[in-house]
Amino acid sequence: MAAQDPDPAAEFRRNESWLFDTTAGAYVRKTAVSLLTLVVFAFVLFPLYWMVVTAFKTTAEIQQIPPTVYPNDFSLEGFRLVVESSIQAGGYTSLFANLFGWQASSAIDIDILSLVLNSLKVAVGAGAIALVLGTAASYVLSRRDFVGKNALMSIFLASLMFPGTAIMVPEWELVSALGLFNTHLVLIFIYGAMTAPFVVWLMKGFFDDFPDSIIEASRIDQCSSIETFWYVIVPMARNSLIASFIFAFLLAWNELVFALTLLDNSRYTVPPGLLTFVQGFNTQWNVVAAASIIISLPVLLGLAYIQRYFVQGLTGGAIKG
């Protein structure tokens, strides 16, 4: 009997691990995890920190070797030049001179407000297209069975792995044939098509887990399939819809290559617009950093407000059962 039921304590002692089964080992593991987390955070956050401190440095301090870790001479020169550049490029010089007695004059001629408005137009439009098409497609793929369904889902997944720049030449020919070159509409279509497959996969996970009893109840109330989708399912999918829209919005907001290729200077969005601040050896990096901060603040504040919806939406279809 003793041979059949060995002592659990003896079995544990034979397989005991110093790293996982002792107090000292637990301390070492916690320390290692903490150090690794600190390194990852430093790797991710240091570029943001460097951008912020650079924005508050003078041009002379930025050119110092070795560089300073924090501003010795706190300066708003970069922000002043960005604001004056926007006032001058936007044609508001006389208005500010009459109202505030401030004569804006800058060697840089870039309108930050115009860049932000252009990016908002493109990002919101692309997000709306991706959301409408992706949600409708995911609902059909989740609730209907038809020939080629799995193949279609595989194509959507493969499209997410395909680099957008690989189809730049055919995209250019198509845009030229349609006469959409140098329009924001073409970017809205391209970004919407690029993000729609992700919306399909994200929303399909939600629709797969949606209770059949709720759909059956709506049918008992004589709702059509469209009415069930619009009045019952869409309101309950709010978090996933918000997450999908944020993903599409951020991709359109940050994309550089298509915007740089298909637009000219007068219609630039934020990424190529910021690139125009870089002027070889004469680049004023405090101006570049200040412009980056000013442009990033509205998006960061908006994401901070709806962050909980984003997290809940991404995990909405992740757990089965």
C-alpha atoms as a PDB file:
ATOM      1  CA  MET A   1       0.000   0.000   0.000  1.00  0.00           C
ATOM      2  CA  ALA A   2       2.856   2.321   0.863  1.00  0.00           C
ATOM      3  CA  ALA A   3       4.435   1.622  -2.517  1.00  0.00           C
ATOM      4  CA  GLN A   4       1.222   2.542  -4.280  1.00  0.00           C
ATOM      5  CA  ASP A   5       0.665   5.782  -2.296  1.00  0.00           C
ATOM      6  CA  PRO A   6       4.059   7.464  -1.898  1.00  0.00           C
ATOM      7  CA  ASP A   7       4.459  10.293   0.573  1.00  0.00           C
ATOM      8  CA  PRO A   8       3.579  13.584  -1.247  1.00  0.00           C
ATOM      9  CA  ALA A   9       6.149  15.486   0.815  1.00  0.00           C
ATOM     10  CA  ALA A  10       8.912  13.095  -0.196  1.00  0.00           C
ATOM     11  CA  GLU A  11       7.886  13.362  -3.853  1.00  0.00           C
ATOM     12  CA  PHE A  12       8.024  17.165  -3.564  1.00  0.00           C
ATOM     13  CA  ARG A  13      11.474  17.095  -1.982  1.00  0.00           C
ATOM     14  CA  ARG A  14      12.819  14.971  -4.831  1.00  0.00           C
ATOM     15  CA  ASN A  15      11.497  17.413  -7.438  1.00  0.00           C
ATOM     16  CA  GLU A  16      12.089  20.611  -5.474  1.00  0.00           C
ATOM     17  CA  SER A  17      13.408  23.571  -7.475  1.00  0.00           C
ATOM     18  CA  TRP A  18      15.400  26.287  -5.717  1.00  0.00           C
ATOM     19  CA  LEU A  19      14.170  28.960  -8.121  1.00  0.00           C
ATOM     20  CA  PHE A  20      10.459  28.130  -7.864  1.00  0.00           C
ATOM     21  CA  ASP A  21      10.034  26.462  -4.453  1.00  0.00           C
ATOM     22  CA  THR A  22      12.108  28.566  -2.050  1.00  0.00           C
ATOM     23  CA  THR A  23      11.720  32.065  -0.611  1.00  0.00           C
ATOM     24  CA  ALA A  24      15.088  33.149  -2.005  1.00  0.00           C
ATOM     25  CA  GLY A  25      14.133  31.856  -5.444  1.00  0.00           C
ATOM     26  CA  ALA A  26      10.847  33.774  -5.364  1.00  0.00           C
ATOM     27  CA  TYR A  27      12.772  36.935  -4.472  1.00  0.00           C
ATOM     28  CA  VAL A  28      15.160  36.392  -7.386  1.00  0.00           C
ATOM     29  CA  ARG A  29      12.262  35.824  -9.801  1.00  0.00           C
ATOM     30  CA  LYS A  30      10.441  38.979  -8.671  1.00  0.00           C
ATOM     31  CA  THR A  31      13.633  41.008  -8.942  1.00  0.00           C
ATOM     32  CA  ALA A  32      14.351  39.692 -12.452  1.00  0.00           C
ATOM     33  CA  VAL A  33      10.800  40.418 -13.613  1.00  0.00           C
ATOM     34  CA  SER A  34      10.958  43.929 -12.137  1.00  0.00           C
ATOM     35  CA  LEU A  35      14.290  44.678 -13.836  1.00  0.00           C
ATOM     36  CA  LEU A  36      13.025  43.345 -17.172  1.00  0.00           C
ATOM     37  CA  THR A  37       9.869  45.471 -16.871  1.00  0.00           C
ATOM     38  CA  LEU A  38      12.005  48.525 -16.078  1.00  0.00           C
ATOM     39  CA  VAL A  39      14.195  47.929 -19.132  1.00  0.00           C
ATOM     40  CA  VAL A  40      11.152  47.539 -21.412  1.00  0.00           C
ATOM     41  CA  PHE A  41       9.552  50.694 -20.022  1.00  0.00           C
ATOM     42  CA  ALA A  42      12.795  52.629 -20.478  1.00  0.00           C
ATOM     43  CA  PHE A  43      13.114  51.360 -24.055  1.00  0.00           C
ATOM     44  CA  VAL A  44       9.542  52.407 -24.882  1.00  0.00           C
ATOM     45  CA  LEU A  45       9.331  55.678 -22.963  1.00  0.00           C
ATOM     46  CA  PHE A  46      12.822  57.122 -23.498  1.00  0.00           C
ATOM     47  CA  PRO A  47      12.106  58.387 -27.050  1.00  0.00           C
ATOM     48  CA  LEU A  48       9.017  60.180 -25.706  1.00  0.00           C
ATOM     49  CA  TYR A  49      11.041  61.660 -22.855  1.00  0.00           C
ATOM     50  CA  TRP A  50      13.757  62.802 -25.274  1.00  0.00           C
ATOM     51  CA  MET A  51      11.165  64.450 -27.522  1.00  0.00           C
ATOM     52  CA  VAL A  52       9.711  66.372 -24.574  1.00  0.00           C
ATOM     53  CA  VAL A  53      13.035  67.601 -23.191  1.00  0.00           C
ATOM     54  CA  THR A  54      14.240  68.536 -26.689  1.00  0.00           C
ATOM     55  CA  ALA A  55      11.155  70.715 -27.168  1.00  0.00           C
ATOM     56  CA  PHE A  56      12.177  72.807 -24.148  1.00  0.00           C
ATOM     57  CA  LYS A  57      15.838  73.234 -25.122  1.00  0.00           C
ATOM     58  CA  THR A  58      17.424  76.065 -27.054  1.00  0.00           C
ATOM     59  CA  THR A  59      19.042  75.384 -30.421  1.00  0.00           C
ATOM     60  CA  ALA A  60      22.496  75.954 -28.911  1.00  0.00           C
ATOM     61  CA  GLU A  61      21.897  73.441 -26.114  1.00  0.00           C
ATOM     62  CA  ILE A  62      20.620  70.805 -28.558  1.00  0.00           C
ATOM     63  CA  GLN A  63      23.907  71.044 -30.480  1.00  0.00           C
ATOM     64  CA  GLN A  64      26.041  70.516 -27.377  1.00  0.00           C
ATOM     65  CA  ILE A  65      28.265  67.441 -27.214  1.00  0.00           C
ATOM     66  CA  PRO A  66      27.735  65.483 -25.030  1.00  0.00           C
ATOM     67  CA  PRO A  67      23.976  66.170 -25.024  1.00  0.00           C
ATOM     68  CA  THR A  68      22.220  67.234 -21.844  1.00  0.00           C
ATOM     69  CA  VAL A  69      19.727  64.840 -20.272  1.00  0.00           C
ATOM     70  CA  TYR A  70      17.383  67.670 -19.246  1.00  0.00           C
ATOM     71  CA  PRO A  71      17.158  71.340 -20.291  1.00  0.00           C
ATOM     72  CA  ASN A  72      19.672  73.554 -18.526  1.00  0.00           C
ATOM     73  CA  ASP A  73      18.088  76.671 -20.016  1.00  0.00           C
ATOM     74  CA  PHE A  74      14.337  76.079 -20.094  1.00  0.00           C
ATOM     75  CA  SER A  75      13.042  77.610 -23.325  1.00  0.00           C
ATOM     76  CA  LEU A  76       9.731  77.877 -25.208  1.00  0.00           C
ATOM     77  CA  GLU A  77      11.486  78.910 -28.395  1.00  0.00           C
ATOM     78  CA  GLY A  78      10.376  75.789 -30.269  1.00  0.00           C
ATOM     79  CA  PHE A  79       6.713  76.268 -29.376  1.00  0.00           C
ATOM     80  CA  ARG A  80       6.875  79.967 -30.257  1.00  0.00           C
ATOM     81  CA  LEU A  81       8.283  79.212 -33.706  1.00  0.00           C
ATOM     82  CA  VAL A  82       5.633  76.542 -34.350  1.00  0.00           C
ATOM     83  CA  VAL A  83       2.803  78.906 -33.388  1.00  0.00           C
ATOM     84  CA  GLU A  84       4.230  81.765 -35.430  1.00  0.00           C
ATOM     85  CA  SER A  85       4.712  79.445 -38.392  1.00  0.00           C
ATOM     86  CA  SER A  86       1.071  78.322 -38.208  1.00  0.00           C
ATOM     87  CA  ILE A  87      -0.194  81.899 -37.913  1.00  0.00           C
ATOM     88  CA  GLN A  88       1.911  83.027 -40.860  1.00  0.00           C
ATOM     89  CA  ALA A  89       1.122  80.020 -43.098  1.00  0.00           C
ATOM     90  CA  GLY A  90      -2.577  80.184 -42.245  1.00  0.00           C
ATOM     91  CA  GLY A  91      -2.811  83.866 -43.193  1.00  0.00           C
ATOM     92  CA  TYR A  92      -3.720  85.082 -39.704  1.00  0.00           C
ATOM     93  CA  THR A  93      -0.801  87.486 -39.277  1.00  0.00           C
ATOM     94  CA  SER A  94      -2.834  90.678 -39.652  1.00  0.00           C
ATOM     95  CA  LEU A  95      -5.630  89.312 -37.453  1.00  0.00           C
ATOM     96  CA  PHE A  96      -3.279  88.608 -34.553  1.00  0.00           C
ATOM     97  CA  ALA A  97      -1.511  91.941 -35.095  1.00  0.00           C
ATOM     98  CA  ASN A  98      -4.809  93.851 -34.868  1.00  0.00           C
ATOM     99  CA  LEU A  99      -6.257  91.900 -31.942  1.00  0.00           C
ATOM    100  CA  PHE A 100      -3.195  91.240 -29.793  1.00  0.00           C
ATOM    101  CA  GLY A 101      -0.508  93.484 -31.251  1.00  0.00           C
ATOM    102  CA  TRP A 102       1.569  90.381 -32.003  1.00  0.00           C
ATOM    103  CA  GLN A 103       3.452  90.460 -35.290  1.00  0.00           C
ATOM    104  CA  ALA A 104       4.168  86.821 -36.087  1.00  0.00           C
ATOM    105  CA  SER A 105       7.235  86.290 -38.240  1.00  0.00           C
ATOM    106  CA  SER A 106       8.854  82.928 -38.918  1.00  0.00           C
ATOM    107  CA  ALA A 107      11.291  81.497 -41.431  1.00  0.00           C
ATOM    108  CA  ILE A 108       9.252  78.292 -41.290  1.00  0.00           C
ATOM    109  CA  ASP A 109       6.054  78.329 -43.327  1.00  0.00           C
ATOM    110  CA  ILE A 110       4.036  75.298 -42.125  1.00  0.00           C
ATOM    111  CA  ASP A 111       0.430  75.419 -40.891  1.00  0.00           C
ATOM    112  CA  ILE A 112       0.075  72.932 -38.026  1.00  0.00           C
ATOM    113  CA  LEU A 113      -3.674  73.496 -37.738  1.00  0.00           C
ATOM    114  CA  SER A 114      -4.160  72.605 -41.392  1.00  0.00           C
ATOM    115  CA  LEU A 115      -2.143  69.399 -40.961  1.00  0.00           C
ATOM    116  CA  VAL A 116      -4.257  68.356 -37.982  1.00  0.00           C
ATOM    117  CA  LEU A 117      -7.543  69.082 -39.764  1.00  0.00           C
ATOM    118  CA  ASN A 118      -6.402  67.150 -42.839  1.00  0.00           C
ATOM    119  CA  SER A 119      -5.424  64.166 -40.710  1.00  0.00           C
ATOM    120  CA  LEU A 120      -8.691  64.270 -38.779  1.00  0.00           C
ATOM    121  CA  LYS A 121     -10.654  64.309 -42.023  1.00  0.00           C
ATOM    122  CA  VAL A 122      -8.750  61.329 -43.421  1.00  0.00           C
ATOM    123  CA  ALA A 123      -8.618  59.331 -40.165  1.00  0.00           C
ATOM    124  CA  VAL A 124     -12.309  59.745 -39.325  1.00  0.00           C
ATOM    125  CA  GLY A 125     -13.344  58.909 -42.888  1.00  0.00           C
ATOM    126  CA  ALA A 126     -11.125  55.810 -43.028  1.00  0.00           C
ATOM    127  CA  GLY A 127     -12.355  54.672 -39.621  1.00  0.00           C
ATOM    128  CA  ALA A 128     -15.984  55.060 -40.680  1.00  0.00           C
ATOM    129  CA  ILE A 129     -15.471  53.074 -43.902  1.00  0.00           C
ATOM    130  CA  ALA A 130     -13.572  50.282 -42.133  1.00  0.00           C
ATOM    131  CA  LEU A 131     -16.193  50.130 -39.385  1.00  0.00           C
ATOM    132  CA  VAL A 132     -19.222  49.969 -41.691  1.00  0.00           C
ATOM    133  CA  LEU A 133     -17.790  47.472 -44.182  1.00  0.00           C
ATOM    134  CA  GLY A 134     -15.920  45.366 -41.636  1.00  0.00           C
ATOM    135  CA  THR A 135     -18.843  45.104 -39.209  1.00  0.00           C
ATOM    136  CA  ALA A 136     -21.346  44.144 -41.897  1.00  0.00           C
ATOM    137  CA  ALA A 137     -18.960  41.548 -43.365  1.00  0.00           C
ATOM    138  CA  SER A 138     -18.097  40.065 -39.955  1.00  0.00           C
ATOM    139  CA  TYR A 139     -21.782  39.682 -39.058  1.00  0.00           C
ATOM    140  CA  VAL A 140     -22.483  37.765 -42.270  1.00  0.00           C
ATOM    141  CA  LEU A 141     -19.371  35.592 -41.817  1.00  0.00           C
ATOM    142  CA  SER A 142     -20.367  34.827 -38.243  1.00  0.00           C
ATOM    143  CA  ARG A 143     -24.080  34.105 -38.748  1.00  0.00           C
ATOM    144  CA  ARG A 144     -24.220  32.594 -42.245  1.00  0.00           C
ATOM    145  CA  ASP A 145     -22.710  29.465 -43.739  1.00  0.00           C
ATOM    146  CA  PHE A 146     -21.736  29.499 -47.405  1.00  0.00           C
ATOM    147  CA  VAL A 147     -19.191  27.969 -49.745  1.00  0.00           C
ATOM    148  CA  GLY A 148     -15.756  29.568 -49.480  1.00  0.00           C
ATOM    149  CA  LYS A 149     -16.318  31.123 -46.053  1.00  0.00           C
ATOM    150  CA  ASN A 150     -13.086  29.775 -44.534  1.00  0.00           C
ATOM    151  CA  ALA A 151     -11.124  30.703 -47.634  1.00  0.00           C
ATOM    152  CA  LEU A 152     -12.474  34.248 -47.457  1.00  0.00           C
ATOM    153  CA  MET A 153     -11.451  34.561 -43.797  1.00  0.00           C
ATOM    154  CA  SER A 154      -7.972  33.309 -44.716  1.00  0.00           C
ATOM    155  CA  ILE A 155      -7.729  35.957 -47.441  1.00  0.00           C
ATOM    156  CA  PHE A 156      -8.672  38.656 -44.921  1.00  0.00           C
ATOM    157  CA  LEU A 157      -5.990  37.383 -42.552  1.00  0.00           C
ATOM    158  CA  ALA A 158      -3.365  37.216 -45.296  1.00  0.00           C
ATOM    159  CA  SER A 159      -4.135  40.789 -46.331  1.00  0.00           C
ATOM    160  CA  LEU A 160      -3.133  41.965 -42.847  1.00  0.00           C
ATOM    161  CA  MET A 161       0.309  40.407 -43.328  1.00  0.00           C
ATOM    162  CA  PHE A 162       0.844  41.950 -46.764  1.00  0.00           C
ATOM    163  CA  PRO A 163       2.897  45.197 -46.725  1.00  0.00           C
ATOM    164  CA  GLY A 164       1.003  48.128 -48.187  1.00  0.00           C
ATOM    165  CA  THR A 165       4.079  49.486 -49.943  1.00  0.00           C
ATOM    166  CA  ALA A 166       4.265  46.307 -52.061  1.00  0.00           C
ATOM    167  CA  ILE A 167       1.167  47.433 -53.969  1.00  0.00           C
ATOM    168  CA  MET A 168       2.232  51.066 -54.304  1.00  0.00           C
ATOM    169  CA  VAL A 169       2.739  50.885 -58.081  1.00  0.00           C
ATOM    170  CA  PRO A 170      -0.703  49.426 -58.944  1.00  0.00           C
ATOM    171  CA  GLU A 171      -2.264  51.807 -56.394  1.00  0.00           C
ATOM    172  CA  TRP A 172      -0.574  54.732 -58.146  1.00  0.00           C
ATOM    173  CA  GLU A 173      -1.853  53.605 -61.558  1.00  0.00           C
ATOM    174  CA  LEU A 174      -5.392  53.137 -60.227  1.00  0.00           C
ATOM    175  CA  VAL A 175      -5.396  56.530 -58.512  1.00  0.00           C
ATOM    176  CA  SER A 176      -4.124  58.236 -61.657  1.00  0.00           C
ATOM    177  CA  ALA A 177      -6.751  56.500 -63.818  1.00  0.00           C
ATOM    178  CA  LEU A 178      -9.556  57.607 -61.473  1.00  0.00           C
ATOM    179  CA  GLY A 179      -8.244  61.168 -61.248  1.00  0.00           C
ATOM    180  CA  LEU A 180      -7.980  61.029 -57.454  1.00  0.00           C
ATOM    181  CA  PHE A 181      -4.350  62.063 -57.152  1.00  0.00           C
ATOM    182  CA  ASN A 182      -3.735  64.743 -54.514  1.00  0.00           C
ATOM    183  CA  THR A 183      -7.122  64.243 -52.836  1.00  0.00           C
ATOM    184  CA  HIS A 184      -7.876  63.164 -49.296  1.00  0.00           C
ATOM    185  CA  LEU A 185     -10.606  60.888 -50.630  1.00  0.00           C
ATOM    186  CA  VAL A 186      -8.079  58.452 -52.049  1.00  0.00           C
ATOM    187  CA  LEU A 187      -6.359  58.132 -48.665  1.00  0.00           C
ATOM    188  CA  ILE A 188      -9.712  57.530 -46.984  1.00  0.00           C
ATOM    189  CA  PHE A 189     -10.430  54.665 -49.393  1.00  0.00           C
ATOM    190  CA  ILE A 190      -6.951  53.145 -49.079  1.00  0.00           C
ATOM    191  CA  TYR A 191      -6.761  53.338 -45.284  1.00  0.00           C
ATOM    192  CA  GLY A 192     -10.320  52.062 -44.950  1.00  0.00           C
ATOM    193  CA  ALA A 193      -9.492  49.054 -47.139  1.00  0.00           C
ATOM    194  CA  MET A 194      -6.280  48.396 -45.202  1.00  0.00           C
ATOM    195  CA  THR A 195      -8.008  48.280 -41.812  1.00  0.00           C
ATOM    196  CA  ALA A 196     -11.316  46.631 -42.763  1.00  0.00           C
ATOM    197  CA  PRO A 197      -9.866  43.051 -42.535  1.00  0.00           C
ATOM    198  CA  PHE A 198      -8.801  43.703 -38.937  1.00  0.00           C
ATOM    199  CA  VAL A 199     -12.305  44.937 -38.132  1.00  0.00           C
ATOM    200  CA  VAL A 200     -13.714  41.768 -39.691  1.00  0.00           C
ATOM    201  CA  TRP A 201     -11.617  39.511 -37.457  1.00  0.00           C
ATOM    202  CA  LEU A 202     -12.198  41.552 -34.309  1.00  0.00           C
ATOM    203  CA  MET A 203     -15.964  41.887 -34.752  1.00  0.00           C
ATOM    204  CA  LYS A 204     -16.401  38.267 -35.870  1.00  0.00           C
ATOM    205  CA  GLY A 205     -15.064  37.154 -32.500  1.00  0.00           C
ATOM    206  CA  PHE A 206     -17.735  39.266 -30.822  1.00  0.00           C
ATOM    207  CA  PHE A 207     -20.563  38.043 -33.071  1.00  0.00           C
ATOM    208  CA  ASP A 208     -19.506  34.395 -32.620  1.00  0.00           C
ATOM    209  CA  ASP A 209     -20.015  34.770 -28.860  1.00  0.00           C
ATOM    210  CA  PHE A 210     -23.234  36.765 -29.124  1.00  0.00           C
ATOM    211  CA  PRO A 211     -26.100  34.869 -27.375  1.00  0.00           C
ATOM    212  CA  ASP A 212     -28.478  33.217 -29.817  1.00  0.00           C
ATOM    213  CA  SER A 213     -31.316  33.700 -27.319  1.00  0.00           C
ATOM    214  CA  ILE A 214     -31.245  37.477 -27.834  1.00  0.00           C
ATOM    215  CA  ILE A 215     -31.469  37.090 -31.611  1.00  0.00           C
ATOM    216  CA  GLU A 216     -34.318  34.591 -31.254  1.00  0.00           C
ATOM    217  CA  ALA A 217     -36.157  36.992 -28.949  1.00  0.00           C
ATOM    218  CA  SER A 218     -35.883  39.771 -31.533  1.00  0.00           C
ATOM    219  CA  ARG A 219     -37.281  37.435 -34.189  1.00  0.00           C
ATOM    220  CA  ILE A 220     -40.221  36.615 -31.930  1.00  0.00           C
ATOM    221  CA  ASP A 221     -40.832  40.371 -31.782  1.00  0.00           C
ATOM    222  CA  GLN A 222     -41.008  40.231 -35.595  1.00  0.00           C
ATOM    223  CA  CYS A 223     -37.743  42.080 -36.218  1.00  0.00           C
ATOM    224  CA  SER A 224     -36.131  41.546 -39.589  1.00  0.00           C
ATOM    225  CA  SER A 225     -32.478  40.565 -39.878  1.00  0.00           C
ATOM    226  CA  ILE A 226     -31.493  44.166 -40.586  1.00  0.00           C
ATOM    227  CA  GLU A 227     -33.562  45.481 -37.656  1.00  0.00           C
ATOM    228  CA  THR A 228     -32.054  42.864 -35.351  1.00  0.00           C
ATOM    229  CA  PHE A 229     -28.565  43.857 -36.430  1.00  0.00           C
ATOM    230  CA  TRP A 230     -29.111  47.611 -36.182  1.00  0.00           C
ATOM    231  CA  TYR A 231     -31.321  47.924 -33.093  1.00  0.00           C
ATOM    232  CA  VAL A 232     -30.200  44.937 -31.020  1.00  0.00           C
ATOM    233  CA  ILE A 233     -26.678  43.816 -31.879  1.00  0.00           C
ATOM    234  CA  VAL A 234     -24.951  47.100 -32.762  1.00  0.00           C
ATOM    235  CA  PRO A 235     -25.810  48.838 -29.436  1.00  0.00           C
ATOM    236  CA  MET A 236     -24.480  45.829 -27.509  1.00  0.00           C
ATOM    237  CA  ALA A 237     -21.284  45.807 -29.601  1.00  0.00           C
ATOM    238  CA  ARG A 238     -20.382  49.383 -28.674  1.00  0.00           C
ATOM    239  CA  ASN A 239     -17.028  48.599 -27.052  1.00  0.00           C
ATOM    240  CA  SER A 240     -15.842  46.408 -29.916  1.00  0.00           C
ATOM    241  CA  LEU A 241     -16.974  49.009 -32.447  1.00  0.00           C
ATOM    242  CA  ILE A 242     -15.057  51.727 -30.606  1.00  0.00           C
ATOM    243  CA  ALA A 243     -11.927  49.546 -30.497  1.00  0.00           C
ATOM    244  CA  SER A 244     -12.199  48.880 -34.228  1.00  0.00           C
ATOM    245  CA  PHE A 245     -12.654  52.557 -35.008  1.00  0.00           C
ATOM    246  CA  ILE A 246      -9.674  53.567 -32.845  1.00  0.00           C
ATOM    247  CA  PHE A 247      -7.435  51.047 -34.607  1.00  0.00           C
ATOM    248  CA  ALA A 248      -8.443  52.332 -38.044  1.00  0.00           C
ATOM    249  CA  PHE A 249      -8.150  55.945 -36.868  1.00  0.00           C
ATOM    250  CA  LEU A 250      -4.623  55.485 -35.508  1.00  0.00           C
ATOM    251  CA  LEU A 251      -3.399  53.700 -38.629  1.00  0.00           C
ATOM    252  CA  ALA A 252      -4.699  56.517 -40.828  1.00  0.00           C
ATOM    253  CA  TRP A 253      -3.319  59.165 -38.458  1.00  0.00           C
ATOM    254  CA  ASN A 254       0.202  57.701 -38.394  1.00  0.00           C
ATOM    255  CA  GLU A 255       0.593  56.411 -41.983  1.00  0.00           C
ATOM    256  CA  LEU A 256       3.349  58.179 -43.907  1.00  0.00           C
ATOM    257  CA  VAL A 257       4.194  56.433 -47.206  1.00  0.00           C
ATOM    258  CA  PHE A 258       0.858  56.703 -49.029  1.00  0.00           C
ATOM    259  CA  ALA A 259       0.266  60.264 -47.815  1.00  0.00           C
ATOM    260  CA  LEU A 260       3.756  61.324 -48.893  1.00  0.00           C
ATOM    261  CA  THR A 261       3.361  59.701 -52.316  1.00  0.00           C
ATOM    262  CA  LEU A 262      -0.214  60.629 -53.217  1.00  0.00           C
ATOM    263  CA  LEU A 263      -0.415  64.205 -51.837  1.00  0.00           C
ATOM    264  CA  ASP A 264       1.469  67.422 -52.441  1.00  0.00           C
ATOM    265  CA  ASN A 265       2.578  69.931 -49.802  1.00  0.00           C
ATOM    266  CA  SER A 266      -0.698  71.853 -49.715  1.00  0.00           C
ATOM    267  CA  ARG A 267      -2.728  68.773 -48.696  1.00  0.00           C
ATOM    268  CA  TYR A 268      -0.282  66.981 -46.417  1.00  0.00           C
ATOM    269  CA  THR A 269      -1.498  65.137 -43.349  1.00  0.00           C
ATOM    270  CA  VAL A 270       0.428  65.112 -40.061  1.00  0.00           C
ATOM    271  CA  PRO A 271       3.227  62.542 -40.782  1.00  0.00           C
ATOM    272  CA  PRO A 272       4.508  64.049 -44.065  1.00  0.00           C
ATOM    273  CA  GLY A 273       3.813  67.532 -42.686  1.00  0.00           C
ATOM    274  CA  LEU A 274       6.134  66.911 -39.740  1.00  0.00           C
ATOM    275  CA  LEU A 275       8.741  65.604 -42.159  1.00  0.00           C
ATOM    276  CA  THR A 276       8.868  69.016 -43.817  1.00  0.00           C
ATOM    277  CA  PHE A 277      10.294  70.461 -40.590  1.00  0.00           C
ATOM    278  CA  VAL A 278      13.422  68.356 -41.146  1.00  0.00           C
ATOM    279  CA  GLN A 279      15.695  70.466 -43.354  1.00  0.00           C
ATOM    280  CA  GLY A 280      19.015  68.654 -43.464  1.00  0.00           C
ATOM    281  CA  PHE A 281      21.792  70.300 -41.448  1.00  0.00           C
ATOM    282  CA  ASN A 282      19.587  73.343 -40.700  1.00  0.00           C
ATOM    283  CA  THR A 283      16.915  71.365 -38.870  1.00  0.00           C
ATOM    284  CA  GLN A 284      15.704  73.008 -35.655  1.00  0.00           C
ATOM    285  CA  TRP A 285      15.005  69.913 -33.574  1.00  0.00           C
ATOM    286  CA  ASN A 286      13.317  71.852 -30.795  1.00  0.00           C
ATOM    287  CA  VAL A 287      10.755  73.028 -33.375  1.00  0.00           C
ATOM    288  CA  VAL A 288      10.254  69.470 -34.645  1.00  0.00           C
ATOM    289  CA  ALA A 289       9.768  68.187 -31.089  1.00  0.00           C
ATOM    290  CA  ALA A 290       7.409  71.041 -30.161  1.00  0.00           C
ATOM    291  CA  ALA A 291       5.306  70.437 -33.272  1.00  0.00           C
ATOM    292  CA  SER A 292       5.157  66.714 -32.476  1.00  0.00           C
ATOM    293  CA  ILE A 293       3.906  67.438 -28.956  1.00  0.00           C
ATOM    294  CA  ILE A 294       1.269  69.931 -30.111  1.00  0.00           C
ATOM    295  CA  ILE A 295      -0.021  67.522 -32.741  1.00  0.00           C
ATOM    296  CA  SER A 296      -0.010  64.513 -30.407  1.00  0.00           C
ATOM    297  CA  LEU A 297      -1.891  66.128 -27.518  1.00  0.00           C
ATOM    298  CA  PRO A 298      -5.426  66.031 -29.010  1.00  0.00           C
ATOM    299  CA  VAL A 299      -5.066  62.349 -29.935  1.00  0.00           C
ATOM    300  CA  LEU A 300      -3.576  61.411 -26.555  1.00  0.00           C
ATOM    301  CA  LEU A 301      -6.344  63.198 -24.664  1.00  0.00           C
ATOM    302  CA  GLY A 302      -9.003  61.528 -26.783  1.00  0.00           C
ATOM    303  CA  LEU A 303      -7.475  58.073 -26.338  1.00  0.00           C
ATOM    304  CA  ALA A 304      -7.126  58.607 -22.589  1.00  0.00           C
ATOM    305  CA  TYR A 305     -10.853  59.348 -22.408  1.00  0.00           C
ATOM    306  CA  ILE A 306     -11.965  56.240 -24.328  1.00  0.00           C
ATOM    307  CA  GLN A 307      -9.158  53.878 -23.281  1.00  0.00           C
ATOM    308  CA  ARG A 308     -11.434  51.597 -21.257  1.00  0.00           C
ATOM    309  CA  TYR A 309     -13.719  51.063 -24.256  1.00  0.00           C
ATOM    310  CA  PHE A 310     -10.685  50.189 -26.365  1.00  0.00           C
ATOM    311  CA  VAL A 311      -9.422  47.522 -23.933  1.00  0.00           C
ATOM    312  CA  GLN A 312     -12.881  46.036 -23.390  1.00  0.00           C
ATOM    313  CA  GLY A 313     -13.505  45.980 -27.131  1.00  0.00           C
ATOM    314  CA  LEU A 314     -10.266  44.174 -27.936  1.00  0.00           C
ATOM    315  CA  THR A 315     -10.996  41.462 -25.360  1.00  0.00           C
ATOM    316  CA  GLY A 316     -14.730  41.228 -26.064  1.00  0.00           C
ATOM    317  CA  GLY A 317     -14.413  38.247 -28.389  1.00  0.00           C
ATOM    318  CA  ALA A 318     -11.251  36.747 -26.943  1.00  0.00           C
ATOM    319  CA  ILE A 319     -12.843  34.377 -24.399  1.00  0.00           C
ATOM    320  CA  LYS A 320     -14.986  31.500 -25.595  1.00  0.00           C
ATOM    321  CA  GLY A 321     -17.719  29.828 -23.573  1.00  0.00           C
END
